[in-house]
Amino acid sequence: GHSISWNMAADVLLFNRIQGDLYARNRSYLEVQDELGFHATG
């Protein structure tokens, strides 16, 4: 959007868990956007 979201993006453990789960299930990292509900073109 037009705002800034430093805190969520700075939560490394959050991304470790989401991406780690996709890694463990041999799923594509493209699915990270489905876990967080945000898509950005490109």
PDB file of all heavy atoms in Angstrom:
ATOM      1  N   GLY A   1       0.817  -1.206   0.000  1.00  0.00           N
ATOM      2  CA  GLY A   1       0.000   0.000   0.000  1.00  0.00           C
ATOM      3  C   GLY A   1       0.852   1.257   0.000  1.00  0.00           C
ATOM      4  O   GLY A   1       1.941   1.294  -0.559  1.00  0.00           O
ATOM      5  N   HIS A   2       0.360   2.286   0.659  1.00  0.00           N
ATOM      6  CA  HIS A   2       1.089   3.560   0.725  1.00  0.00           C
ATOM      7  C   HIS A   2       1.749   3.767   2.079  1.00  0.00           C
ATOM      8  O   HIS A   2       2.365   4.803   2.311  1.00  0.00           O
ATOM      9  CB  HIS A   2       0.123   4.722   0.438  1.00  0.00           C
ATOM     10  CG  HIS A   2      -0.317   4.794  -0.986  1.00  0.00           C
ATOM     11  ND1 HIS A   2       0.237   5.650  -1.902  1.00  0.00           N
ATOM     12  CD2 HIS A   2      -1.255   4.084  -1.666  1.00  0.00           C
ATOM     13  CE1 HIS A   2      -0.341   5.486  -3.082  1.00  0.00           C
ATOM     14  NE2 HIS A   2      -1.249   4.538  -2.955  1.00  0.00           N
ATOM     15  N   SER A   3       1.642   2.762   2.963  1.00  0.00           N
ATOM     16  CA  SER A   3       2.206   2.893   4.305  1.00  0.00           C
ATOM     17  C   SER A   3       3.514   2.121   4.394  1.00  0.00           C
ATOM     18  O   SER A   3       4.053   1.664   3.396  1.00  0.00           O
ATOM     19  CB  SER A   3       1.198   2.393   5.348  1.00  0.00           C
ATOM     20  OG  SER A   3       0.893   1.028   5.114  1.00  0.00           O
ATOM     21  N   ILE A   4       4.003   1.925   5.608  1.00  0.00           N
ATOM     22  CA  ILE A   4       5.240   1.182   5.830  1.00  0.00           C
ATOM     23  C   ILE A   4       4.975   0.116   6.883  1.00  0.00           C
ATOM     24  O   ILE A   4       4.226   0.346   7.830  1.00  0.00           O
ATOM     25  CB  ILE A   4       6.387   2.119   6.267  1.00  0.00           C
ATOM     26  CG1 ILE A   4       7.753   1.500   6.006  1.00  0.00           C
ATOM     27  CG2 ILE A   4       6.234   2.582   7.684  1.00  0.00           C
ATOM     28  CD1 ILE A   4       8.299   1.786   4.645  1.00  0.00           C
ATOM     29  N   SER A   5       5.525  -1.073   6.711  1.00  0.00           N
ATOM     30  CA  SER A   5       5.256  -2.189   7.624  1.00  0.00           C
ATOM     31  C   SER A   5       6.576  -2.773   8.110  1.00  0.00           C
ATOM     32  O   SER A   5       6.905  -3.929   7.828  1.00  0.00           O
ATOM     33  CB  SER A   5       4.413  -3.264   6.927  1.00  0.00           C
ATOM     34  OG  SER A   5       3.179  -2.754   6.495  1.00  0.00           O
ATOM     35  N   TRP A   6       7.335  -1.977   8.851  1.00  0.00           N
ATOM     36  CA  TRP A   6       8.637  -2.423   9.315  1.00  0.00           C
ATOM     37  C   TRP A   6       8.540  -3.631  10.240  1.00  0.00           C
ATOM     38  O   TRP A   6       9.323  -4.571  10.153  1.00  0.00           O
ATOM     39  CB  TRP A   6       9.344  -1.301  10.070  1.00  0.00           C
ATOM     40  CG  TRP A   6       9.754  -0.106   9.277  1.00  0.00           C
ATOM     41  CD1 TRP A   6       9.400   1.193   9.487  1.00  0.00           C
ATOM     42  CD2 TRP A   6      10.635  -0.070   8.148  1.00  0.00           C
ATOM     43  NE1 TRP A   6       9.987   2.023   8.565  1.00  0.00           N
ATOM     44  CE2 TRP A   6      10.755   1.262   7.735  1.00  0.00           C
ATOM     45  CE3 TRP A   6      11.333  -1.041   7.438  1.00  0.00           C
ATOM     46  CZ2 TRP A   6      11.537   1.660   6.650  1.00  0.00           C
ATOM     47  CZ3 TRP A   6      12.109  -0.660   6.359  1.00  0.00           C
ATOM     48  CH2 TRP A   6      12.207   0.669   5.982  1.00  0.00           C
ATOM     49  N   ASN A   7       7.593  -3.626  11.161  1.00  0.00           N
ATOM     50  CA  ASN A   7       7.600  -4.609  12.245  1.00  0.00           C
ATOM     51  C   ASN A   7       7.333  -6.031  11.753  1.00  0.00           C
ATOM     52  O   ASN A   7       7.996  -6.976  12.168  1.00  0.00           O
ATOM     53  CB  ASN A   7       6.587  -4.216  13.321  1.00  0.00           C
ATOM     54  CG  ASN A   7       6.998  -2.947  14.037  1.00  0.00           C
ATOM     55  OD1 ASN A   7       8.152  -2.773  14.393  1.00  0.00           O
ATOM     56  ND2 ASN A   7       6.049  -2.026  14.218  1.00  0.00           N
ATOM     57  N   MET A   8       6.346  -6.178  10.868  1.00  0.00           N
ATOM     58  CA  MET A   8       6.058  -7.520  10.360  1.00  0.00           C
ATOM     59  C   MET A   8       7.239  -8.033   9.539  1.00  0.00           C
ATOM     60  O   MET A   8       7.665  -9.183   9.682  1.00  0.00           O
ATOM     61  CB  MET A   8       4.789  -7.511   9.504  1.00  0.00           C
ATOM     62  CG  MET A   8       4.408  -8.887   8.983  1.00  0.00           C
ATOM     63  SD  MET A   8       2.911  -8.872   7.971  1.00  0.00           S
ATOM     64  CE  MET A   8       1.686  -8.425   9.197  1.00  0.00           C
ATOM     65  N   ALA A   9       7.798  -7.176   8.687  1.00  0.00           N
ATOM     66  CA  ALA A   9       8.912  -7.608   7.846  1.00  0.00           C
ATOM     67  C   ALA A   9      10.156  -7.908   8.670  1.00  0.00           C
ATOM     68  O   ALA A   9      10.999  -8.710   8.260  1.00  0.00           O
ATOM     69  CB  ALA A   9       9.219  -6.546   6.802  1.00  0.00           C
ATOM     70  N   ALA A  10      10.295  -7.261   9.831  1.00  0.00           N
ATOM     71  CA  ALA A  10      11.466  -7.478  10.686  1.00  0.00           C
ATOM     72  C   ALA A  10      11.366  -8.752  11.517  1.00  0.00           C
ATOM     73  O   ALA A  10      12.345  -9.151  12.148  1.00  0.00           O
ATOM     74  CB  ALA A  10      11.657  -6.278  11.617  1.00  0.00           C
ATOM     75  N   ASP A  11      10.208  -9.402  11.494  1.00  0.00           N
ATOM     76  CA  ASP A  11      10.005 -10.609  12.302  1.00  0.00           C
ATOM     77  C   ASP A  11      10.601 -11.812  11.571  1.00  0.00           C
ATOM     78  O   ASP A  11       9.910 -12.550  10.865  1.00  0.00           O
ATOM     79  CB  ASP A  11       8.509 -10.814  12.560  1.00  0.00           C
ATOM     80  CG  ASP A  11       8.237 -11.904  13.586  1.00  0.00           C
ATOM     81  OD1 ASP A  11       9.173 -12.678  13.898  1.00  0.00           O
ATOM     82  OD2 ASP A  11       7.101 -11.982  14.076  1.00  0.00           O
ATOM     83  N   VAL A  12      11.910 -11.989  11.715  1.00  0.00           N
ATOM     84  CA  VAL A  12      12.610 -13.061  11.013  1.00  0.00           C
ATOM     85  C   VAL A  12      12.048 -14.428  11.393  1.00  0.00           C
ATOM     86  O   VAL A  12      11.903 -15.316  10.554  1.00  0.00           O
ATOM     87  CB  VAL A  12      14.121 -12.998  11.300  1.00  0.00           C
ATOM     88  CG1 VAL A  12      14.848 -14.159  10.628  1.00  0.00           C
ATOM     89  CG2 VAL A  12      14.690 -11.678  10.821  1.00  0.00           C
ATOM     90  N   LEU A  13      11.723 -14.613  12.661  1.00  0.00           N
ATOM     91  CA  LEU A  13      11.226 -15.909  13.106  1.00  0.00           C
ATOM     92  C   LEU A  13       9.910 -16.267  12.417  1.00  0.00           C
ATOM     93  O   LEU A  13       9.665 -17.428  12.084  1.00  0.00           O
ATOM     94  CB  LEU A  13      11.057 -15.920  14.623  1.00  0.00           C
ATOM     95  CG  LEU A  13      10.753 -17.281  15.255  1.00  0.00           C
ATOM     96  CD1 LEU A  13      11.814 -18.304  14.889  1.00  0.00           C
ATOM     97  CD2 LEU A  13      10.648 -17.154  16.774  1.00  0.00           C
ATOM     98  N   LEU A  14       9.057 -15.255  12.184  1.00  0.00           N
ATOM     99  CA  LEU A  14       7.806 -15.489  11.459  1.00  0.00           C
ATOM    100  C   LEU A  14       8.099 -16.082  10.083  1.00  0.00           C
ATOM    101  O   LEU A  14       7.495 -17.082   9.677  1.00  0.00           O
ATOM    102  CB  LEU A  14       7.033 -14.177  11.326  1.00  0.00           C
ATOM    103  CG  LEU A  14       5.823 -14.197  10.378  1.00  0.00           C
ATOM    104  CD1 LEU A  14       4.729 -15.075  10.938  1.00  0.00           C
ATOM    105  CD2 LEU A  14       5.308 -12.778  10.143  1.00  0.00           C
ATOM    106  N   PHE A  15       9.043 -15.482   9.373  1.00  0.00           N
ATOM    107  CA  PHE A  15       9.364 -15.960   8.035  1.00  0.00           C
ATOM    108  C   PHE A  15      10.102 -17.292   8.096  1.00  0.00           C
ATOM    109  O   PHE A  15       9.917 -18.151   7.229  1.00  0.00           O
ATOM    110  CB  PHE A  15      10.169 -14.905   7.270  1.00  0.00           C
ATOM    111  CG  PHE A  15       9.316 -13.753   6.821  1.00  0.00           C
ATOM    112  CD1 PHE A  15       9.134 -12.657   7.642  1.00  0.00           C
ATOM    113  CD2 PHE A  15       8.669 -13.786   5.606  1.00  0.00           C
ATOM    114  CE1 PHE A  15       8.335 -11.602   7.242  1.00  0.00           C
ATOM    115  CE2 PHE A  15       7.865 -12.743   5.198  1.00  0.00           C
ATOM    116  CZ  PHE A  15       7.688 -11.641   6.017  1.00  0.00           C
ATOM    117  N   ASN A  16      10.953 -17.479   9.103  1.00  0.00           N
ATOM    118  CA  ASN A  16      11.597 -18.783   9.271  1.00  0.00           C
ATOM    119  C   ASN A  16      10.552 -19.884   9.384  1.00  0.00           C
ATOM    120  O   ASN A  16      10.705 -20.974   8.814  1.00  0.00           O
ATOM    121  CB  ASN A  16      12.475 -18.787  10.520  1.00  0.00           C
ATOM    122  CG  ASN A  16      13.792 -18.065  10.315  1.00  0.00           C
ATOM    123  OD1 ASN A  16      14.138 -17.694   9.199  1.00  0.00           O
ATOM    124  ND2 ASN A  16      14.528 -17.856  11.385  1.00  0.00           N
ATOM    125  N   ARG A  17       9.480 -19.607  10.127  1.00  0.00           N
ATOM    126  CA  ARG A  17       8.469 -20.639  10.372  1.00  0.00           C
ATOM    127  C   ARG A  17       7.636 -20.900   9.128  1.00  0.00           C
ATOM    128  O   ARG A  17       7.385 -22.058   8.761  1.00  0.00           O
ATOM    129  CB  ARG A  17       7.581 -20.225  11.542  1.00  0.00           C
ATOM    130  CG  ARG A  17       8.297 -20.334  12.882  1.00  0.00           C
ATOM    131  CD  ARG A  17       7.489 -19.703  14.006  1.00  0.00           C
ATOM    132  NE  ARG A  17       8.134 -19.947  15.298  1.00  0.00           N
ATOM    133  CZ  ARG A  17       7.825 -19.318  16.405  1.00  0.00           C
ATOM    134  NH1 ARG A  17       6.874 -18.393  16.417  1.00  0.00           N
ATOM    135  NH2 ARG A  17       8.444 -19.601  17.538  1.00  0.00           N
ATOM    136  N   ILE A  18       7.187 -19.826   8.464  1.00  0.00           N
ATOM    137  CA  ILE A  18       6.363 -20.001   7.261  1.00  0.00           C
ATOM    138  C   ILE A  18       7.175 -20.661   6.156  1.00  0.00           C
ATOM    139  O   ILE A  18       6.756 -21.648   5.547  1.00  0.00           O
ATOM    140  CB  ILE A  18       5.802 -18.645   6.796  1.00  0.00           C
ATOM    141  CG1 ILE A  18       4.779 -18.120   7.803  1.00  0.00           C
ATOM    142  CG2 ILE A  18       5.169 -18.765   5.411  1.00  0.00           C
ATOM    143  CD1 ILE A  18       4.289 -16.716   7.494  1.00  0.00           C
ATOM    144  N   GLN A  19       8.370 -20.111   5.882  1.00  0.00           N
ATOM    145  CA  GLN A  19       9.198 -20.657   4.820  1.00  0.00           C
ATOM    146  C   GLN A  19       9.751 -22.023   5.190  1.00  0.00           C
ATOM    147  O   GLN A  19       9.896 -22.899   4.328  1.00  0.00           O
ATOM    148  CB  GLN A  19      10.329 -19.673   4.489  1.00  0.00           C
ATOM    149  CG  GLN A  19       9.789 -18.395   3.858  1.00  0.00           C
ATOM    150  CD  GLN A  19      10.719 -17.211   3.911  1.00  0.00           C
ATOM    151  OE1 GLN A  19      10.351 -16.114   3.557  1.00  0.00           O
ATOM    152  NE2 GLN A  19      11.940 -17.407   4.375  1.00  0.00           N
ATOM    153  N   GLY A  20      10.051 -22.220   6.486  1.00  0.00           N
ATOM    154  CA  GLY A  20      10.514 -23.527   6.938  1.00  0.00           C
ATOM    155  C   GLY A  20       9.465 -24.598   6.756  1.00  0.00           C
ATOM    156  O   GLY A  20       9.777 -25.742   6.392  1.00  0.00           O
ATOM    157  N   ASP A  21       8.198 -24.246   6.983  1.00  0.00           N
ATOM    158  CA  ASP A  21       7.110 -25.207   6.774  1.00  0.00           C
ATOM    159  C   ASP A  21       6.984 -25.564   5.296  1.00  0.00           C
ATOM    160  O   ASP A  21       6.819 -26.740   4.942  1.00  0.00           O
ATOM    161  CB  ASP A  21       5.798 -24.619   7.292  1.00  0.00           C
ATOM    162  CG  ASP A  21       4.611 -25.522   7.010  1.00  0.00           C
ATOM    163  OD1 ASP A  21       4.564 -26.633   7.566  1.00  0.00           O
ATOM    164  OD2 ASP A  21       3.733 -25.121   6.209  1.00  0.00           O
ATOM    165  N   LEU A  22       7.063 -24.564   4.421  1.00  0.00           N
ATOM    166  CA  LEU A  22       7.015 -24.838   2.986  1.00  0.00           C
ATOM    167  C   LEU A  22       8.212 -25.690   2.566  1.00  0.00           C
ATOM    168  O   LEU A  22       8.079 -26.606   1.755  1.00  0.00           O
ATOM    169  CB  LEU A  22       6.989 -23.524   2.200  1.00  0.00           C
ATOM    170  CG  LEU A  22       5.725 -22.672   2.367  1.00  0.00           C
ATOM    171  CD1 LEU A  22       5.916 -21.319   1.695  1.00  0.00           C
ATOM    172  CD2 LEU A  22       4.505 -23.381   1.789  1.00  0.00           C
ATOM    173  N   TYR A  23       9.381 -25.385   3.136  1.00  0.00           N
ATOM    174  CA  TYR A  23      10.593 -26.152   2.839  1.00  0.00           C
ATOM    175  C   TYR A  23      10.403 -27.608   3.259  1.00  0.00           C
ATOM    176  O   TYR A  23      10.731 -28.536   2.502  1.00  0.00           O
ATOM    177  CB  TYR A  23      11.774 -25.530   3.577  1.00  0.00           C
ATOM    178  CG  TYR A  23      13.121 -26.122   3.263  1.00  0.00           C
ATOM    179  CD1 TYR A  23      14.003 -25.473   2.408  1.00  0.00           C
ATOM    180  CD2 TYR A  23      13.532 -27.336   3.819  1.00  0.00           C
ATOM    181  CE1 TYR A  23      15.255 -26.010   2.105  1.00  0.00           C
ATOM    182  CE2 TYR A  23      14.771 -27.887   3.525  1.00  0.00           C
ATOM    183  CZ  TYR A  23      15.626 -27.213   2.676  1.00  0.00           C
ATOM    184  OH  TYR A  23      16.855 -27.752   2.381  1.00  0.00           O
ATOM    185  N   ALA A  24       9.863 -27.822   4.452  1.00  0.00           N
ATOM    186  CA  ALA A  24       9.702 -29.179   4.981  1.00  0.00           C
ATOM    187  C   ALA A  24       8.737 -30.003   4.138  1.00  0.00           C
ATOM    188  O   ALA A  24       8.887 -31.224   4.012  1.00  0.00           O
ATOM    189  CB  ALA A  24       9.224 -29.118   6.428  1.00  0.00           C
ATOM    190  N   ARG A  25       7.743 -29.345   3.560  1.00  0.00           N
ATOM    191  CA  ARG A  25       6.743 -30.055   2.757  1.00  0.00           C
ATOM    192  C   ARG A  25       7.083 -30.052   1.266  1.00  0.00           C
ATOM    193  O   ARG A  25       6.269 -30.451   0.440  1.00  0.00           O
ATOM    194  CB  ARG A  25       5.360 -29.435   2.984  1.00  0.00           C
ATOM    195  CG  ARG A  25       4.842 -29.612   4.404  1.00  0.00           C
ATOM    196  CD  ARG A  25       3.400 -29.174   4.560  1.00  0.00           C
ATOM    197  NE  ARG A  25       3.223 -27.738   4.456  1.00  0.00           N
ATOM    198  CZ  ARG A  25       2.522 -27.109   3.506  1.00  0.00           C
ATOM    199  NH1 ARG A  25       1.946 -27.819   2.549  1.00  0.00           N
ATOM    200  NH2 ARG A  25       2.402 -25.809   3.495  1.00  0.00           N
ATOM    201  N   ASN A  26       8.291 -29.571   0.935  1.00  0.00           N
ATOM    202  CA  ASN A  26       8.740 -29.501  -0.462  1.00  0.00           C
ATOM    203  C   ASN A  26       7.784 -28.708  -1.332  1.00  0.00           C
ATOM    204  O   ASN A  26       7.569 -29.014  -2.515  1.00  0.00           O
ATOM    205  CB  ASN A  26       8.942 -30.913  -1.048  1.00  0.00           C
ATOM    206  CG  ASN A  26      10.065 -31.653  -0.354  1.00  0.00           C
ATOM    207  OD1 ASN A  26      11.038 -31.060   0.083  1.00  0.00           O
ATOM    208  ND2 ASN A  26       9.921 -32.970  -0.244  1.00  0.00           N
ATOM    209  N   ARG A  27       7.243 -27.650  -0.743  1.00  0.00           N
ATOM    210  CA  ARG A  27       6.344 -26.767  -1.482  1.00  0.00           C
ATOM    211  C   ARG A  27       7.106 -25.560  -2.007  1.00  0.00           C
ATOM    212  O   ARG A  27       8.163 -25.199  -1.498  1.00  0.00           O
ATOM    213  CB  ARG A  27       5.193 -26.293  -0.592  1.00  0.00           C
ATOM    214  CG  ARG A  27       4.388 -27.386   0.057  1.00  0.00           C
ATOM    215  CD  ARG A  27       3.656 -28.235  -0.963  1.00  0.00           C
ATOM    216  NE  ARG A  27       2.798 -27.447  -1.834  1.00  0.00           N
ATOM    217  CZ  ARG A  27       2.042 -27.952  -2.795  1.00  0.00           C
ATOM    218  NH1 ARG A  27       2.061 -29.262  -3.025  1.00  0.00           N
ATOM    219  NH2 ARG A  27       1.289 -27.177  -3.539  1.00  0.00           N
ATOM    220  N   SER A  28       6.540 -24.917  -3.004  1.00  0.00           N
ATOM    221  CA  SER A  28       7.175 -23.740  -3.595  1.00  0.00           C
ATOM    222  C   SER A  28       7.070 -22.546  -2.662  1.00  0.00           C
ATOM    223  O   SER A  28       6.033 -22.320  -2.021  1.00  0.00           O
ATOM    224  CB  SER A  28       6.504 -23.397  -4.926  1.00  0.00           C
ATOM    225  OG  SER A  28       6.915 -22.123  -5.386  1.00  0.00           O
ATOM    226  N   TYR A  29       8.134 -21.740  -2.626  1.00  0.00           N
ATOM    227  CA  TYR A  29       8.095 -20.508  -1.833  1.00  0.00           C
ATOM    228  C   TYR A  29       7.117 -19.486  -2.409  1.00  0.00           C
ATOM    229  O   TYR A  29       6.822 -18.477  -1.757  1.00  0.00           O
ATOM    230  CB  TYR A  29       9.488 -19.885  -1.744  1.00  0.00           C
ATOM    231  CG  TYR A  29      10.382 -20.526  -0.718  1.00  0.00           C
ATOM    232  CD1 TYR A  29      11.761 -20.503  -0.876  1.00  0.00           C
ATOM    233  CD2 TYR A  29       9.868 -21.148   0.412  1.00  0.00           C
ATOM    234  CE1 TYR A  29      12.606 -21.076   0.061  1.00  0.00           C
ATOM    235  CE2 TYR A  29      10.690 -21.728   1.352  1.00  0.00           C
ATOM    236  CZ  TYR A  29      12.065 -21.695   1.174  1.00  0.00           C
ATOM    237  OH  TYR A  29      12.888 -22.264   2.110  1.00  0.00           O
ATOM    238  N   LEU A  30       6.607 -19.710  -3.604  1.00  0.00           N
ATOM    239  CA  LEU A  30       5.575 -18.823  -4.133  1.00  0.00           C
ATOM    240  C   LEU A  30       4.339 -18.829  -3.230  1.00  0.00           C
ATOM    241  O   LEU A  30       3.557 -17.876  -3.243  1.00  0.00           O
ATOM    242  CB  LEU A  30       5.177 -19.259  -5.547  1.00  0.00           C
ATOM    243  CG  LEU A  30       6.256 -19.109  -6.629  1.00  0.00           C
ATOM    244  CD1 LEU A  30       5.779 -19.727  -7.933  1.00  0.00           C
ATOM    245  CD2 LEU A  30       6.613 -17.644  -6.826  1.00  0.00           C
ATOM    246  N   GLU A  31       4.185 -19.887  -2.437  1.00  0.00           N
ATOM    247  CA  GLU A  31       3.014 -20.007  -1.572  1.00  0.00           C
ATOM    248  C   GLU A  31       3.112 -19.153  -0.315  1.00  0.00           C
ATOM    249  O   GLU A  31       2.151 -19.072   0.450  1.00  0.00           O
ATOM    250  CB  GLU A  31       2.798 -21.476  -1.197  1.00  0.00           C
ATOM    251  CG  GLU A  31       2.486 -22.367  -2.381  1.00  0.00           C
ATOM    252  CD  GLU A  31       2.281 -23.819  -1.986  1.00  0.00           C
ATOM    253  OE1 GLU A  31       1.829 -24.069  -0.849  1.00  0.00           O
ATOM    254  OE2 GLU A  31       2.584 -24.709  -2.804  1.00  0.00           O
ATOM    255  N   VAL A  32       4.272 -18.508  -0.083  1.00  0.00           N
ATOM    256  CA  VAL A  32       4.382 -17.662   1.099  1.00  0.00           C
ATOM    257  C   VAL A  32       3.354 -16.544   1.055  1.00  0.00           C
ATOM    258  O   VAL A  32       2.836 -16.107   2.087  1.00  0.00           O
ATOM    259  CB  VAL A  32       5.816 -17.099   1.238  1.00  0.00           C
ATOM    260  CG1 VAL A  32       6.139 -16.103   0.128  1.00  0.00           C
ATOM    261  CG2 VAL A  32       6.013 -16.430   2.593  1.00  0.00           C
ATOM    262  N   GLN A  33       3.000 -16.090  -0.156  1.00  0.00           N
ATOM    263  CA  GLN A  33       2.012 -15.018  -0.269  1.00  0.00           C
ATOM    264  C   GLN A  33       0.619 -15.481   0.177  1.00  0.00           C
ATOM    265  O   GLN A  33      -0.175 -14.687   0.673  1.00  0.00           O
ATOM    266  CB  GLN A  33       1.963 -14.492  -1.699  1.00  0.00           C
ATOM    267  CG  GLN A  33       1.554 -15.516  -2.727  1.00  0.00           C
ATOM    268  CD  GLN A  33       1.764 -15.040  -4.148  1.00  0.00           C
ATOM    269  OE1 GLN A  33       2.235 -13.937  -4.376  1.00  0.00           O
ATOM    270  NE2 GLN A  33       1.415 -15.873  -5.123  1.00  0.00           N
ATOM    271  N   ASP A  34       0.331 -16.780   0.018  1.00  0.00           N
ATOM    272  CA  ASP A  34      -0.955 -17.302   0.469  1.00  0.00           C
ATOM    273  C   ASP A  34      -1.008 -17.365   1.995  1.00  0.00           C
ATOM    274  O   ASP A  34      -2.072 -17.169   2.603  1.00  0.00           O
ATOM    275  CB  ASP A  34      -1.209 -18.689  -0.121  1.00  0.00           C
ATOM    276  CG  ASP A  34      -1.219 -18.668  -1.647  1.00  0.00           C
ATOM    277  OD1 ASP A  34      -1.713 -17.680  -2.216  1.00  0.00           O
ATOM    278  OD2 ASP A  34      -0.715 -19.635  -2.255  1.00  0.00           O
ATOM    279  N   GLU A  35       0.155 -17.644   2.610  1.00  0.00           N
ATOM    280  CA  GLU A  35       0.196 -17.725   4.066  1.00  0.00           C
ATOM    281  C   GLU A  35      -0.035 -16.357   4.704  1.00  0.00           C
ATOM    282  O   GLU A  35      -0.639 -16.250   5.770  1.00  0.00           O
ATOM    283  CB  GLU A  35       1.559 -18.268   4.510  1.00  0.00           C
ATOM    284  CG  GLU A  35       1.854 -19.689   4.051  1.00  0.00           C
ATOM    285  CD  GLU A  35       0.956 -20.705   4.728  1.00  0.00           C
ATOM    286  OE1 GLU A  35       0.569 -20.474   5.885  1.00  0.00           O
ATOM    287  OE2 GLU A  35       0.628 -21.726   4.087  1.00  0.00           O
ATOM    288  N   LEU A  36       0.459 -15.298   4.071  1.00  0.00           N
ATOM    289  CA  LEU A  36       0.333 -13.952   4.646  1.00  0.00           C
ATOM    290  C   LEU A  36      -0.736 -13.110   3.970  1.00  0.00           C
ATOM    291  O   LEU A  36      -1.010 -11.992   4.409  1.00  0.00           O
ATOM    292  CB  LEU A  36       1.688 -13.234   4.569  1.00  0.00           C
ATOM    293  CG  LEU A  36       2.723 -13.747   5.570  1.00  0.00           C
ATOM    294  CD1 LEU A  36       4.088 -13.138   5.307  1.00  0.00           C
ATOM    295  CD2 LEU A  36       2.302 -13.447   6.998  1.00  0.00           C
ATOM    296  N   GLY A  37      -1.318 -13.610   2.890  1.00  0.00           N
ATOM    297  CA  GLY A  37      -2.450 -12.913   2.281  1.00  0.00           C
ATOM    298  C   GLY A  37      -2.103 -11.633   1.566  1.00  0.00           C
ATOM    299  O   GLY A  37      -2.951 -10.750   1.416  1.00  0.00           O
ATOM    300  N   PHE A  38      -0.873 -11.503   1.109  1.00  0.00           N
ATOM    301  CA  PHE A  38      -0.460 -10.286   0.413  1.00  0.00           C
ATOM    302  C   PHE A  38       0.289 -10.673  -0.849  1.00  0.00           C
ATOM    303  O   PHE A  38       1.217 -11.483  -0.808  1.00  0.00           O
ATOM    304  CB  PHE A  38       0.449  -9.437   1.312  1.00  0.00           C
ATOM    305  CG  PHE A  38       1.103  -8.278   0.599  1.00  0.00           C
ATOM    306  CD1 PHE A  38       0.345  -7.194   0.185  1.00  0.00           C
ATOM    307  CD2 PHE A  38       2.455  -8.292   0.335  1.00  0.00           C
ATOM    308  CE1 PHE A  38       0.938  -6.126  -0.485  1.00  0.00           C
ATOM    309  CE2 PHE A  38       3.069  -7.232  -0.327  1.00  0.00           C
ATOM    310  CZ  PHE A  38       2.293  -6.147  -0.740  1.00  0.00           C
ATOM    311  N   HIS A  39      -0.114 -10.086  -1.974  1.00  0.00           N
ATOM    312  CA  HIS A  39       0.565 -10.352  -3.232  1.00  0.00           C
ATOM    313  C   HIS A  39       1.029  -9.037  -3.834  1.00  0.00           C
ATOM    314  O   HIS A  39       0.285  -8.048  -3.859  1.00  0.00           O
ATOM    315  CB  HIS A  39      -0.356 -11.051  -4.228  1.00  0.00           C
ATOM    316  CG  HIS A  39       0.301 -11.284  -5.559  1.00  0.00           C
ATOM    317  ND1 HIS A  39       1.303 -12.208  -5.740  1.00  0.00           N
ATOM    318  CD2 HIS A  39       0.116 -10.685  -6.763  1.00  0.00           C
ATOM    319  CE1 HIS A  39       1.705 -12.177  -6.996  1.00  0.00           C
ATOM    320  NE2 HIS A  39       0.995 -11.259  -7.648  1.00  0.00           N
ATOM    321  N   ALA A  40       2.257  -9.025  -4.311  1.00  0.00           N
ATOM    322  CA  ALA A  40       2.825  -7.849  -4.973  1.00  0.00           C
ATOM    323  C   ALA A  40       3.357  -8.285  -6.328  1.00  0.00           C
ATOM    324  O   ALA A  40       4.182  -9.193  -6.418  1.00  0.00           O
ATOM    325  CB  ALA A  40       3.944  -7.241  -4.133  1.00  0.00           C
ATOM    326  N   THR A  41       2.892  -7.657  -7.377  1.00  0.00           N
ATOM    327  CA  THR A  41       3.289  -8.021  -8.730  1.00  0.00           C
ATOM    328  C   THR A  41       4.803  -7.971  -8.887  1.00  0.00           C
ATOM    329  O   THR A  41       5.440  -6.980  -8.554  1.00  0.00           O
ATOM    330  CB  THR A  41       2.638  -7.066  -9.745  1.00  0.00           C
ATOM    331  OG1 THR A  41       1.216  -7.126  -9.589  1.00  0.00           O
ATOM    332  CG2 THR A  41       3.015  -7.450 -11.168  1.00  0.00           C
ATOM    333  N   GLY A  42       5.352  -9.039  -9.385  1.00  0.00           N
ATOM    334  CA  GLY A  42       6.762  -9.051  -9.748  1.00  0.00           C
ATOM    335  C   GLY A  42       7.713  -9.574  -8.693  1.00  0.00           C
ATOM    336  O   GLY A  42       8.868  -9.857  -9.014  1.00  0.00           O
TER     337      GLY A  42
END
